[in-house]
Amino acid sequence: MLCFLANNYRVVAHDRRGPGRSARVATGHDMDHYAADASAVVEHLDLRNSIHIGHSTDSGEVARYVHLLT
């Protein structure tokens, strides 16, 4: 992320539901919910022309999010 910050990009990282500082929830641990959560973050922050990067299973979340946009 430092390379993006060094080039004056705004970097937003969110915790997927469950791990990190996000709420512990028993349901919604599937790509559809993860993609909807990402969409809610994008909408809430009014992000435009955003680039989404996902590592490992997060790449599935990104792919699902992009699929929902089309």
Foldseek 3Di string as FASTA:
>chain_A
DVVCVVVVHDDDDDDFAPDDPHDPDDDQPDLVSLLVVVVVVCVVVVDDPDDDDDDDCVVSNVVVNVVVVD
